[in-house]
Amino acid sequence: MTSRARSGIGAWLCLSAALCLAVTVSSLADPSELGSPVYWTWALTGLQVTALWVAGRGQAWGWIVGSAVQPGWIAYAVLTDQLGFVVGCAISTGVQLSAFLRTYGSVGAAGTATRIAEPRGSRFAFATAEEARAIRPGS
């Protein structure tokens, strides 16, 4: 795993823990009929949609933010007794972390995905390590 991937996982842990703690504390401090303040649905949805938009523009950190929002949704689901969310959030976390690791987890080993263009402001393509060397000799 690359150092960039390890940094992303660290950021994921911090953001996930912060969201879970914020949802839980706010629910205890301001109990509502639902079990958690309604603004969390808007905040978590806003973060998720923004993360997916960023990931769709080729920025791998969008996958980290998107997957980090899911534990916040799980906390919300448990506090509001909507346990059906838990399975979907767990699956979504796995899919988005996997997408991040496919982007930044590779060290260029044979058969793994390697970035072949810079993500800053543009979409980038993926290729096997062999195809990337053919495009960028010496890589």
Foldseek 3Di string as FASTA:
>chain_A
DDPVLVVLVVVLVVLLVVLLVVQVVQLVVDPDPQQTDPVLVVVLVVQQVVLVVCVVLADLSSLSSNLSSLSSVCSSCVRRVNNVSNVVSVVSNVVSSVSSCLAPVDPQPFPGWYWQDDSVRHHTDTDHSVVSCVVPPPD
